[in-house]
C-alpha atoms as a PDB file:
ATOM      1  CA  MET A   1     -73.863 -42.345 -59.850  1.00  0.00           C
ATOM      2  CA  GLY A   2     -71.304 -39.818 -61.069  1.00  0.00           C
ATOM      3  CA  LEU A   3     -72.476 -37.421 -58.375  1.00  0.00           C
ATOM      4  CA  GLN A   4     -71.865 -40.154 -55.809  1.00  0.00           C
ATOM      5  CA  VAL A   5     -68.271 -40.545 -56.969  1.00  0.00           C
ATOM      6  CA  VAL A   6     -67.641 -36.795 -56.749  1.00  0.00           C
ATOM      7  CA  TRP A   7     -69.320 -36.532 -53.329  1.00  0.00           C
ATOM      8  CA  SER A   8     -67.375 -39.472 -51.897  1.00  0.00           C
ATOM      9  CA  PHE A   9     -64.091 -38.194 -53.306  1.00  0.00           C
ATOM     10  CA  ALA A  10     -64.690 -34.733 -51.838  1.00  0.00           C
ATOM     11  CA  LEU A  11     -65.446 -36.233 -48.424  1.00  0.00           C
ATOM     12  CA  ALA A  12     -62.339 -38.413 -48.620  1.00  0.00           C
ATOM     13  CA  ILE A  13     -60.190 -35.371 -49.366  1.00  0.00           C
ATOM     14  CA  LEU A  14     -61.835 -33.445 -46.523  1.00  0.00           C
ATOM     15  CA  ASP A  15     -61.222 -36.334 -44.134  1.00  0.00           C
ATOM     16  CA  GLY A  16     -57.607 -36.581 -45.255  1.00  0.00           C
ATOM     17  CA  ILE A  17     -57.034 -32.874 -44.673  1.00  0.00           C
ATOM     18  CA  ALA A  18     -58.649 -33.143 -41.237  1.00  0.00           C
ATOM     19  CA  LEU A  19     -56.369 -36.053 -40.337  1.00  0.00           C
ATOM     20  CA  VAL A  20     -53.236 -34.250 -41.482  1.00  0.00           C
ATOM     21  CA  LYS A  21     -54.157 -31.050 -39.622  1.00  0.00           C
ATOM     22  CA  LYS A  22     -55.524 -33.045 -36.657  1.00  0.00           C
ATOM     23  CA  LYS A  23     -58.856 -31.200 -36.667  1.00  0.00           C
ATOM     24  CA  VAL A  24     -62.220 -32.523 -35.511  1.00  0.00           C
ATOM     25  CA  LEU A  25     -65.029 -32.184 -38.044  1.00  0.00           C
ATOM     26  CA  HIS A  26     -67.941 -32.239 -35.577  1.00  0.00           C
ATOM     27  CA  ASN A  27     -69.079 -28.753 -36.449  1.00  0.00           C
ATOM     28  CA  PRO A  28     -72.923 -28.833 -36.543  1.00  0.00           C
ATOM     29  CA  VAL A  29     -73.008 -26.962 -39.845  1.00  0.00           C
ATOM     30  CA  LEU A  30     -70.596 -29.417 -41.490  1.00  0.00           C
ATOM     31  CA  VAL A  31     -72.397 -32.452 -40.118  1.00  0.00           C
ATOM     32  CA  SER A  32     -75.739 -31.132 -41.381  1.00  0.00           C
ATOM     33  CA  LEU A  33     -74.119 -30.624 -44.804  1.00  0.00           C
ATOM     34  CA  TYR A  34     -72.917 -34.250 -44.720  1.00  0.00           C
ATOM     35  CA  VAL A  35     -76.407 -35.437 -43.767  1.00  0.00           C
ATOM     36  CA  VAL A  36     -78.085 -33.557 -46.607  1.00  0.00           C
ATOM     37  CA  GLY A  37     -75.415 -34.610 -49.119  1.00  0.00           C
ATOM     38  CA  ASP A  38     -75.658 -38.268 -48.142  1.00  0.00           C
ATOM     39  CA  TRP A  39     -79.458 -38.073 -48.218  1.00  0.00           C
ATOM     40  CA  VAL A  40     -79.463 -36.627 -51.734  1.00  0.00           C
ATOM     41  CA  THR A  41     -76.943 -39.132 -53.065  1.00  0.00           C
ATOM     42  CA  ALA A  42     -78.818 -42.004 -51.379  1.00  0.00           C
ATOM     43  CA  LEU A  43     -82.066 -40.987 -53.069  1.00  0.00           C
ATOM     44  CA  LEU A  44     -80.393 -40.579 -56.442  1.00  0.00           C
ATOM     45  CA  SER A  45     -78.642 -43.945 -56.071  1.00  0.00           C
ATOM     46  CA  LEU A  46     -81.953 -45.616 -55.236  1.00  0.00           C
ATOM     47  CA  ALA A  47     -83.575 -43.988 -58.264  1.00  0.00           C
ATOM     48  CA  ALA A  48     -80.769 -45.169 -60.537  1.00  0.00           C
ATOM     49  CA  ALA A  49     -80.820 -48.708 -59.155  1.00  0.00           C
ATOM     50  CA  SER A  50     -84.620 -48.936 -59.343  1.00  0.00           C
ATOM     51  CA  SER A  51     -84.784 -47.678 -62.907  1.00  0.00           C
ATOM     52  CA  SER A  52     -82.050 -50.116 -63.930  1.00  0.00           C
ATOM     53  CA  GLY A  53     -83.956 -52.920 -62.240  1.00  0.00           C
ATOM     54  CA  GLY A  54     -87.140 -51.920 -64.062  1.00  0.00           C
ATOM     55  CA  ILE A  55     -85.356 -51.949 -67.405  1.00  0.00           C
ATOM     56  CA  ALA A  56     -83.877 -55.349 -66.555  1.00  0.00           C
ATOM     57  CA  VAL A  57     -87.333 -56.785 -65.833  1.00  0.00           C
ATOM     58  CA  LEU A  58     -88.728 -55.254 -69.016  1.00  0.00           C
ATOM     59  CA  TYR A  59     -85.861 -56.460 -71.172  1.00  0.00           C
ATOM     60  CA  PHE A  60     -85.417 -59.946 -69.739  1.00  0.00           C
ATOM     61  CA  ASN A  61     -88.900 -61.044 -68.687  1.00  0.00           C
ATOM     62  CA  ASP A  62     -91.442 -59.023 -70.646  1.00  0.00           C
ATOM     63  CA  LEU A  63     -89.711 -58.794 -74.006  1.00  0.00           C
ATOM     64  CA  GLY A  64     -88.067 -62.193 -73.710  1.00  0.00           C
ATOM     65  CA  SER A  65     -85.164 -61.078 -75.842  1.00  0.00           C
ATOM     66  CA  CYS A  66     -82.406 -62.239 -73.550  1.00  0.00           C
ATOM     67  CA  GLY A  67     -81.093 -65.726 -73.312  1.00  0.00           C
ATOM     68  CA  LEU A  68     -78.511 -66.647 -70.765  1.00  0.00           C
ATOM     69  CA  GLY A  69     -75.763 -64.894 -72.661  1.00  0.00           C
ATOM     70  CA  GLU A  70     -72.826 -63.210 -70.997  1.00  0.00           C
ATOM     71  CA  GLU A  71     -74.159 -59.714 -71.761  1.00  0.00           C
ATOM     72  CA  CYS A  72     -77.392 -60.403 -69.884  1.00  0.00           C
ATOM     73  CA  GLN A  73     -75.560 -61.749 -66.855  1.00  0.00           C
ATOM     74  CA  GLN A  74     -73.303 -58.695 -66.793  1.00  0.00           C
ATOM     75  CA  TYR A  75     -76.306 -56.385 -66.840  1.00  0.00           C
ATOM     76  CA  GLN A  76     -77.997 -58.309 -64.036  1.00  0.00           C
ATOM     77  CA  LEU A  77     -74.783 -58.154 -62.013  1.00  0.00           C
ATOM     78  CA  ALA A  78     -74.571 -54.401 -62.611  1.00  0.00           C
ATOM     79  CA  VAL A  79     -78.129 -53.930 -61.335  1.00  0.00           C
ATOM     80  CA  ALA A  80     -77.412 -56.046 -58.242  1.00  0.00           C
ATOM     81  CA  LEU A  81     -74.260 -54.046 -57.520  1.00  0.00           C
ATOM     82  CA  ALA A  82     -76.207 -50.806 -57.945  1.00  0.00           C
ATOM     83  CA  PHE A  83     -78.574 -51.924 -55.194  1.00  0.00           C
ATOM     84  CA  LEU A  84     -75.631 -52.929 -52.991  1.00  0.00           C
ATOM     85  CA  GLY A  85     -74.127 -49.489 -53.595  1.00  0.00           C
ATOM     86  CA  TRP A  86     -77.410 -47.916 -52.521  1.00  0.00           C
ATOM     87  CA  VAL A  87     -77.329 -49.962 -49.309  1.00  0.00           C
ATOM     88  CA  ALA A  88     -73.824 -48.666 -48.535  1.00  0.00           C
ATOM     89  CA  VAL A  89     -74.834 -45.052 -49.184  1.00  0.00           C
ATOM     90  CA  SER A  90     -77.957 -45.473 -47.050  1.00  0.00           C
ATOM     91  CA  ILE A  91     -75.876 -46.801 -44.166  1.00  0.00           C
ATOM     92  CA  SER A  92     -73.602 -43.772 -44.503  1.00  0.00           C
ATOM     93  CA  PHE A  93     -76.647 -41.498 -44.420  1.00  0.00           C
ATOM     94  CA  LEU A  94     -78.009 -43.168 -41.291  1.00  0.00           C
ATOM     95  CA  ILE A  95     -74.658 -42.872 -39.516  1.00  0.00           C
ATOM     96  CA  MET A  96     -74.418 -39.181 -40.399  1.00  0.00           C
ATOM     97  CA  LEU A  97     -77.983 -38.636 -39.245  1.00  0.00           C
ATOM     98  CA  TRP A  98     -77.141 -40.346 -35.949  1.00  0.00           C
ATOM     99  CA  LEU A  99     -74.058 -38.144 -35.522  1.00  0.00           C
ATOM    100  CA  PHE A 100     -76.131 -35.064 -36.286  1.00  0.00           C
ATOM    101  CA  ALA A 101     -78.779 -36.047 -33.738  1.00  0.00           C
ATOM    102  CA  ALA A 102     -76.157 -36.916 -31.100  1.00  0.00           C
ATOM    103  CA  GLY A 103     -74.242 -33.664 -31.553  1.00  0.00           C
END
């Protein structure tokens, strides 16, 4: 997920520079770079969320070592938010793919 933070921050800076300089970023090479970057981060986010979900199932259901304590609820919330983060990144990837196909 650290790669996702760096990628999103770099794109935010690039967008900010484009807004200040009033440039359009619809260059096919740049859009294809965005598509590939979003695709890679979406796959890595899905892998991280899925592995966290698998550990949650192992820890909570199979081992039975978690009551309804606050630590367990925080971990379950973190896994749910990881999947929601993956959904957001996937939507970004699909939008970039649509822009790439339209351009």
